[in-house]
Amino acid sequence: MCPILFKIAGFPVRSYGVLLVIGIGIAMLWAQKRSTRYRFDSEKLFDLAFWAVVAGVLGARILFIVQEWGYYSKHLDEVFSFQFQGLTSFGGLLFGGAAVLIWCKLRRQPIWPALDILAPPFLVASAIGRIGCFANGCCYGVTTTAPIGVHFEGVPGVHLPAQLFETAILFVFAAGLAQVEARKEFKQGQVTGLSLMLFGVARFIYEFWRSGSRVAVARGDASSTLIPGLPVTEAQVMALAIAFTGIAIFFARQTAASSRHNQLDAGTDSP
């Protein structure tokens, strides 16, 4: 593991932060390429993405602090740390998505095309961000005797590199979605729905490998929180909610498009 790459004037430059920036950069390059297809001005896209990223990072930090308030309530000096050592992708998704909606409302830009442009690149940014988790030594998997097991600094035993498993899943999902999108014409908002569904499914699967199972908790090597009395983690419940929201958006946008089409046909046929 390599949590800290180097220091500048005594300030540590963390591998997670560097990989997060790389992930955002690659996602933005893909989003720019996608903007042409959706006829979205590239300059406006960068302005939109800037605010989405700022809100996403802040949201990821805020939600993490809320989740871990038991710790931060006793370490208030770490709440406003500029190192952002604790982030959660759920907070990034919620706050970043809200920023997109607000920006489009204020700038009077169509919401669904903007979301459709950014949603698949978000999967790629999340995938690279998980590599950052691996380098940082957080969000590790269950203990294992398999040859692919990794020892994470400060954590007893050898664990599965579950972070890299989710990276692989997200890359496959993003590539598959790009291939399907190239062959099929979707209604506005449906790509967003599919992206949310795939993100939720990936996170749900990842949590089975992550150290949050009942056995892992009993061994004291958990890196995720199991819901008392249930065989699933808090993150899995949130992931399912996101996945079902994506499915609902996908079919709702199909229904809305069909309704508009029928209205246009009725208007054409009317005397």
Foldseek 3Di string as FASTA:
>chain_A
DAQFPDDDVNHTDGLLVVLLVVLLVVLLVQLLVVCVVVVHDNVVLVVLSVQLQVQLLVQQLVVQCVVVVVVCVVVVVCSPDPNSPGGDNVRSVVRSLVSLVVSCVVVVHDRLSSLLSRLLSSLSSQLSSLVSCLNNQAQWFAADPDPQWDDGPPAPHTTHSLSNVLSVQSVVLSVVLVVVVVVDPAFRQLSSLSSQLSQLVSQLVSQVGGQAAPVSVVVVRHRFHCDPPDRGGPSNVVSVVSNVVSVVRNVVRVVVVVVVVVVVVVVVPDD
